[in-house]
């Protein structure tokens, strides 16, 4: 699916702790959609954008932090039930701008 050789995937599993395939009773690795998405992001960073392993690690970490912040913002928005909606919308737009600058 990814076009990568098994030894490359094993190496990336050791370098990028966020890739955690499930190992069943046969010890065969079963990759979830989240793992495949991460592998494809890493592949793009390394092979297309020219990142080093350490640079790709940092970029993946930054993307995860940004995604976590967005999830927290959505939770806050749901809890507020429309209160402070305008403020949250403006914060979200600012975060989107920051994300575009980082990409």
N, C-alpha and C. Protein backbone atom coordinates (compact mmCIF):
# COMPACT_ATOMS: atom_id res chain seq x y z
N UNK A 1 0.82 -1.21 0.00
CA UNK A 1 0.00 0.00 0.00
C UNK A 1 0.86 1.27 0.00
N UNK A 2 1.98 1.23 0.70
CA UNK A 2 2.81 2.43 0.80
C UNK A 2 3.95 2.42 -0.21
N UNK A 3 4.23 1.26 -0.79
CA UNK A 3 5.34 1.15 -1.73
C UNK A 3 6.69 1.08 -1.04
N UNK A 4 6.69 0.84 0.25
CA UNK A 4 7.93 0.77 1.02
C UNK A 4 8.28 -0.69 1.33
N UNK A 5 9.56 -0.95 1.41
CA UNK A 5 10.01 -2.30 1.75
C UNK A 5 9.83 -2.52 3.25
N UNK A 6 9.62 -3.78 3.65
CA UNK A 6 9.39 -4.08 5.07
C UNK A 6 10.48 -3.57 6.00
N UNK A 7 11.75 -3.65 5.58
CA UNK A 7 12.81 -3.20 6.47
C UNK A 7 12.76 -1.69 6.70
N UNK A 8 12.25 -0.96 5.73
CA UNK A 8 12.10 0.50 5.89
C UNK A 8 11.01 0.78 6.92
N UNK A 9 9.90 0.05 6.82
CA UNK A 9 8.81 0.22 7.79
C UNK A 9 9.28 -0.11 9.20
N UNK A 10 10.04 -1.19 9.35
CA UNK A 10 10.55 -1.57 10.68
C UNK A 10 11.45 -0.49 11.25
N UNK A 11 12.30 0.06 10.38
CA UNK A 11 13.20 1.13 10.83
C UNK A 11 12.40 2.35 11.26
N UNK A 12 11.40 2.72 10.46
CA UNK A 12 10.58 3.87 10.82
C UNK A 12 9.82 3.63 12.10
N UNK A 13 9.38 2.41 12.35
CA UNK A 13 8.70 2.10 13.61
C UNK A 13 9.62 2.36 14.79
N UNK A 14 10.92 2.07 14.62
CA UNK A 14 11.86 2.30 15.72
C UNK A 14 12.19 3.78 15.88
N UNK A 15 12.17 4.53 14.79
CA UNK A 15 12.50 5.96 14.84
C UNK A 15 11.31 6.84 15.22
N UNK A 16 10.15 6.52 14.67
CA UNK A 16 8.95 7.32 14.90
C UNK A 16 8.03 6.53 15.82
N UNK A 17 8.05 6.87 17.08
CA UNK A 17 7.28 6.13 18.10
C UNK A 17 5.77 6.22 17.90
N UNK A 18 5.34 7.14 17.05
CA UNK A 18 3.89 7.30 16.82
C UNK A 18 3.33 6.20 15.93
N UNK A 19 4.20 5.48 15.22
CA UNK A 19 3.75 4.35 14.40
C UNK A 19 3.71 3.13 15.30
N UNK A 20 2.51 2.66 15.58
CA UNK A 20 2.33 1.54 16.50
C UNK A 20 1.39 0.50 15.91
N UNK A 21 1.90 -0.36 15.02
CA UNK A 21 1.00 -1.37 14.46
C UNK A 21 0.62 -2.40 15.51
N UNK A 22 -0.58 -2.92 15.37
CA UNK A 22 -1.05 -3.96 16.28
C UNK A 22 -0.41 -5.28 15.87
N UNK A 23 0.09 -6.01 16.84
CA UNK A 23 0.68 -7.32 16.56
C UNK A 23 -0.22 -8.39 17.17
N UNK A 24 -0.81 -9.18 16.31
CA UNK A 24 -1.72 -10.22 16.76
C UNK A 24 -0.96 -11.41 17.32
N UNK A 25 -1.67 -12.50 17.51
CA UNK A 25 -1.07 -13.71 18.06
C UNK A 25 0.04 -14.27 17.20
N UNK A 26 -0.02 -14.02 15.89
CA UNK A 26 1.01 -14.52 14.98
C UNK A 26 2.18 -13.55 14.88
N UNK A 27 2.13 -12.46 15.62
CA UNK A 27 3.13 -11.39 15.60
C UNK A 27 3.21 -10.69 14.25
N UNK A 28 2.23 -10.88 13.42
CA UNK A 28 2.16 -10.16 12.16
C UNK A 28 1.65 -8.75 12.44
N UNK A 29 2.26 -7.78 11.82
CA UNK A 29 1.86 -6.39 12.06
C UNK A 29 0.58 -6.06 11.30
N UNK A 30 -0.34 -5.45 12.01
CA UNK A 30 -1.59 -4.98 11.40
C UNK A 30 -1.63 -3.46 11.56
N UNK A 31 -1.53 -2.78 10.44
CA UNK A 31 -1.50 -1.32 10.47
C UNK A 31 -2.91 -0.77 10.41
N UNK A 32 -3.20 0.19 11.28
CA UNK A 32 -4.48 0.88 11.27
C UNK A 32 -4.41 2.03 10.27
N UNK A 33 -5.54 2.60 9.99
CA UNK A 33 -5.59 3.73 9.05
C UNK A 33 -4.71 4.88 9.54
N UNK A 34 -4.72 5.12 10.85
CA UNK A 34 -3.91 6.19 11.43
C UNK A 34 -2.42 5.93 11.16
N UNK A 35 -1.99 4.67 11.31
CA UNK A 35 -0.59 4.33 11.04
C UNK A 35 -0.24 4.55 9.58
N UNK A 36 -1.13 4.12 8.69
CA UNK A 36 -0.88 4.30 7.26
C UNK A 36 -0.80 5.77 6.89
N UNK A 37 -1.68 6.58 7.46
CA UNK A 37 -1.63 8.02 7.19
C UNK A 37 -0.29 8.61 7.64
N UNK A 38 0.16 8.21 8.83
CA UNK A 38 1.44 8.70 9.33
C UNK A 38 2.60 8.24 8.45
N UNK A 39 2.57 6.99 8.04
CA UNK A 39 3.64 6.47 7.17
C UNK A 39 3.69 7.24 5.86
N UNK A 40 2.54 7.53 5.29
CA UNK A 40 2.50 8.29 4.05
C UNK A 40 2.98 9.73 4.25
N UNK A 41 2.66 10.34 5.40
CA UNK A 41 3.17 11.68 5.71
C UNK A 41 4.69 11.65 5.82
N UNK A 42 5.20 10.65 6.53
CA UNK A 42 6.64 10.53 6.72
C UNK A 42 7.33 10.30 5.38
N UNK A 43 6.75 9.45 4.56
CA UNK A 43 7.32 9.17 3.23
C UNK A 43 7.40 10.46 2.41
N UNK A 44 6.34 11.24 2.45
CA UNK A 44 6.33 12.50 1.70
C UNK A 44 7.41 13.46 2.24
N UNK A 45 7.49 13.57 3.57
CA UNK A 45 8.48 14.46 4.17
C UNK A 45 9.90 14.06 3.78
N UNK A 46 10.18 12.77 3.84
CA UNK A 46 11.55 12.29 3.58
C UNK A 46 11.88 12.25 2.10
N UNK A 47 11.01 11.69 1.30
CA UNK A 47 11.33 11.44 -0.10
C UNK A 47 11.00 12.60 -1.04
N UNK A 48 9.95 13.34 -0.74
CA UNK A 48 9.54 14.41 -1.64
C UNK A 48 10.02 15.78 -1.18
N UNK A 49 9.96 16.02 0.13
CA UNK A 49 10.30 17.34 0.65
C UNK A 49 11.74 17.44 1.15
N UNK A 50 12.44 16.30 1.18
CA UNK A 50 13.86 16.32 1.52
C UNK A 50 14.20 16.50 2.99
N UNK A 51 13.28 16.19 3.87
CA UNK A 51 13.55 16.29 5.31
C UNK A 51 14.52 15.18 5.73
N UNK A 52 15.27 15.44 6.78
CA UNK A 52 16.05 14.39 7.42
C UNK A 52 15.13 13.65 8.39
N UNK A 53 15.61 12.54 8.94
CA UNK A 53 14.80 11.80 9.92
C UNK A 53 14.47 12.69 11.10
N UNK A 54 15.46 13.40 11.63
CA UNK A 54 15.20 14.26 12.79
C UNK A 54 14.26 15.41 12.43
N UNK A 55 14.41 15.96 11.24
CA UNK A 55 13.51 17.02 10.80
C UNK A 55 12.08 16.53 10.63
N UNK A 56 11.94 15.31 10.10
CA UNK A 56 10.60 14.73 9.94
C UNK A 56 9.98 14.44 11.29
N UNK A 57 10.79 13.98 12.26
CA UNK A 57 10.28 13.74 13.61
C UNK A 57 9.71 15.03 14.20
N UNK A 58 10.46 16.11 14.05
CA UNK A 58 10.03 17.40 14.59
C UNK A 58 8.73 17.85 13.90
N UNK A 59 8.67 17.71 12.59
CA UNK A 59 7.49 18.13 11.85
C UNK A 59 6.27 17.32 12.28
N UNK A 60 6.43 16.00 12.44
CA UNK A 60 5.32 15.14 12.88
C UNK A 60 4.87 15.55 14.28
N UNK A 61 5.83 15.83 15.17
CA UNK A 61 5.50 16.26 16.53
C UNK A 61 4.71 17.56 16.50
N UNK A 62 5.17 18.51 15.66
CA UNK A 62 4.47 19.79 15.55
C UNK A 62 3.06 19.61 15.02
N UNK A 63 2.90 18.74 14.03
CA UNK A 63 1.56 18.48 13.47
C UNK A 63 0.64 17.86 14.51
N UNK A 64 1.19 16.94 15.32
CA UNK A 64 0.38 16.31 16.38
C UNK A 64 -0.06 17.35 17.40
N UNK A 65 0.84 18.24 17.78
CA UNK A 65 0.48 19.28 18.75
C UNK A 65 -0.63 20.17 18.20
N UNK A 66 -0.51 20.52 16.93
CA UNK A 66 -1.52 21.37 16.30
C UNK A 66 -2.87 20.65 16.26
N UNK A 67 -2.85 19.36 15.92
CA UNK A 67 -4.10 18.60 15.89
C UNK A 67 -4.71 18.50 17.28
N UNK A 68 -3.88 18.31 18.30
CA UNK A 68 -4.39 18.25 19.68
C UNK A 68 -5.03 19.57 20.08
N UNK A 69 -4.41 20.67 19.72
CA UNK A 69 -4.98 21.98 20.04
C UNK A 69 -6.32 22.18 19.36
N UNK A 70 -6.40 21.73 18.11
CA UNK A 70 -7.67 21.87 17.38
C UNK A 70 -8.77 21.04 18.04
N UNK A 71 -8.42 19.84 18.48
CA UNK A 71 -9.41 18.99 19.16
C UNK A 71 -9.87 19.65 20.45
N UNK A 72 -8.95 20.23 21.21
CA UNK A 72 -9.31 20.90 22.45
C UNK A 72 -10.22 22.09 22.17
N UNK A 73 -9.92 22.83 21.12
CA UNK A 73 -10.74 23.98 20.76
C UNK A 73 -12.16 23.53 20.41
N UNK A 74 -12.28 22.42 19.69
CA UNK A 74 -13.60 21.91 19.35
C UNK A 74 -14.37 21.50 20.60
N UNK A 75 -13.67 20.90 21.56
CA UNK A 75 -14.33 20.51 22.82
C UNK A 75 -14.82 21.74 23.58
N UNK A 76 -13.98 22.75 23.63
CA UNK A 76 -14.37 23.98 24.32
C UNK A 76 -15.58 24.60 23.62
N UNK A 77 -15.56 24.56 22.30
CA UNK A 77 -16.67 25.13 21.54
C UNK A 77 -17.97 24.38 21.83
N UNK A 78 -17.91 23.06 21.92
CA UNK A 78 -19.10 22.28 22.22
C UNK A 78 -19.61 22.58 23.62
N UNK A 79 -18.70 22.73 24.57
CA UNK A 79 -19.10 23.00 25.96
C UNK A 79 -19.73 24.37 26.12
N UNK A 80 -19.27 25.31 25.33
CA UNK A 80 -19.78 26.67 25.49
C UNK A 80 -21.20 26.83 24.97
N UNK A 81 -21.66 25.87 24.15
CA UNK A 81 -23.03 25.91 23.61
C UNK A 81 -23.35 27.26 22.98
N UNK A 82 -22.43 27.76 22.18
CA UNK A 82 -22.67 29.02 21.49
C UNK A 82 -22.13 30.23 22.22
N UNK A 83 -21.84 30.12 23.50
CA UNK A 83 -21.28 31.24 24.24
C UNK A 83 -19.86 31.48 23.73
N UNK A 84 -19.51 32.70 23.62
CA UNK A 84 -18.17 33.09 23.17
C UNK A 84 -17.84 32.49 21.80
N UNK A 85 -18.85 32.23 21.01
CA UNK A 85 -18.64 31.61 19.71
C UNK A 85 -17.75 32.46 18.81
N UNK A 86 -17.98 33.76 18.80
CA UNK A 86 -17.19 34.64 17.95
C UNK A 86 -15.72 34.61 18.33
N UNK A 87 -15.44 34.60 19.62
CA UNK A 87 -14.06 34.53 20.08
C UNK A 87 -13.40 33.24 19.62
N UNK A 88 -14.10 32.13 19.77
CA UNK A 88 -13.55 30.84 19.36
C UNK A 88 -13.31 30.77 17.86
N UNK A 89 -14.22 31.35 17.09
CA UNK A 89 -14.05 31.38 15.64
C UNK A 89 -12.80 32.18 15.28
N UNK A 90 -12.59 33.30 15.92
CA UNK A 90 -11.41 34.10 15.60
C UNK A 90 -10.12 33.39 16.02
N UNK A 91 -10.16 32.70 17.15
CA UNK A 91 -8.98 31.93 17.59
C UNK A 91 -8.70 30.82 16.59
N UNK A 92 -9.75 30.14 16.14
CA UNK A 92 -9.57 29.07 15.16
C UNK A 92 -8.94 29.61 13.88
N UNK A 93 -9.42 30.75 13.42
CA UNK A 93 -8.88 31.34 12.19
C UNK A 93 -7.40 31.71 12.36
N UNK A 94 -7.05 32.24 13.53
CA UNK A 94 -5.65 32.55 13.80
C UNK A 94 -4.79 31.28 13.79
N UNK A 95 -5.30 30.21 14.38
CA UNK A 95 -4.57 28.94 14.38
C UNK A 95 -4.40 28.39 12.97
N UNK A 96 -5.43 28.53 12.16
CA UNK A 96 -5.32 28.08 10.76
C UNK A 96 -4.22 28.87 10.05
N UNK A 97 -4.15 30.17 10.31
CA UNK A 97 -3.10 30.99 9.72
C UNK A 97 -1.72 30.55 10.16
N UNK A 98 -1.58 30.23 11.43
CA UNK A 98 -0.30 29.75 11.95
C UNK A 98 0.06 28.42 11.29
N UNK A 99 -0.92 27.55 11.14
CA UNK A 99 -0.65 26.24 10.51
C UNK A 99 -0.17 26.44 9.08
N UNK A 100 -0.79 27.35 8.35
CA UNK A 100 -0.36 27.61 6.96
C UNK A 100 1.06 28.12 6.91
N UNK A 101 1.44 28.96 7.89
CA UNK A 101 2.81 29.46 7.92
C UNK A 101 3.80 28.34 8.21
N UNK A 102 3.39 27.35 9.02
CA UNK A 102 4.29 26.26 9.37
C UNK A 102 4.45 25.25 8.24
N UNK A 103 3.47 25.16 7.36
CA UNK A 103 3.53 24.18 6.28
C UNK A 103 4.45 24.58 5.19
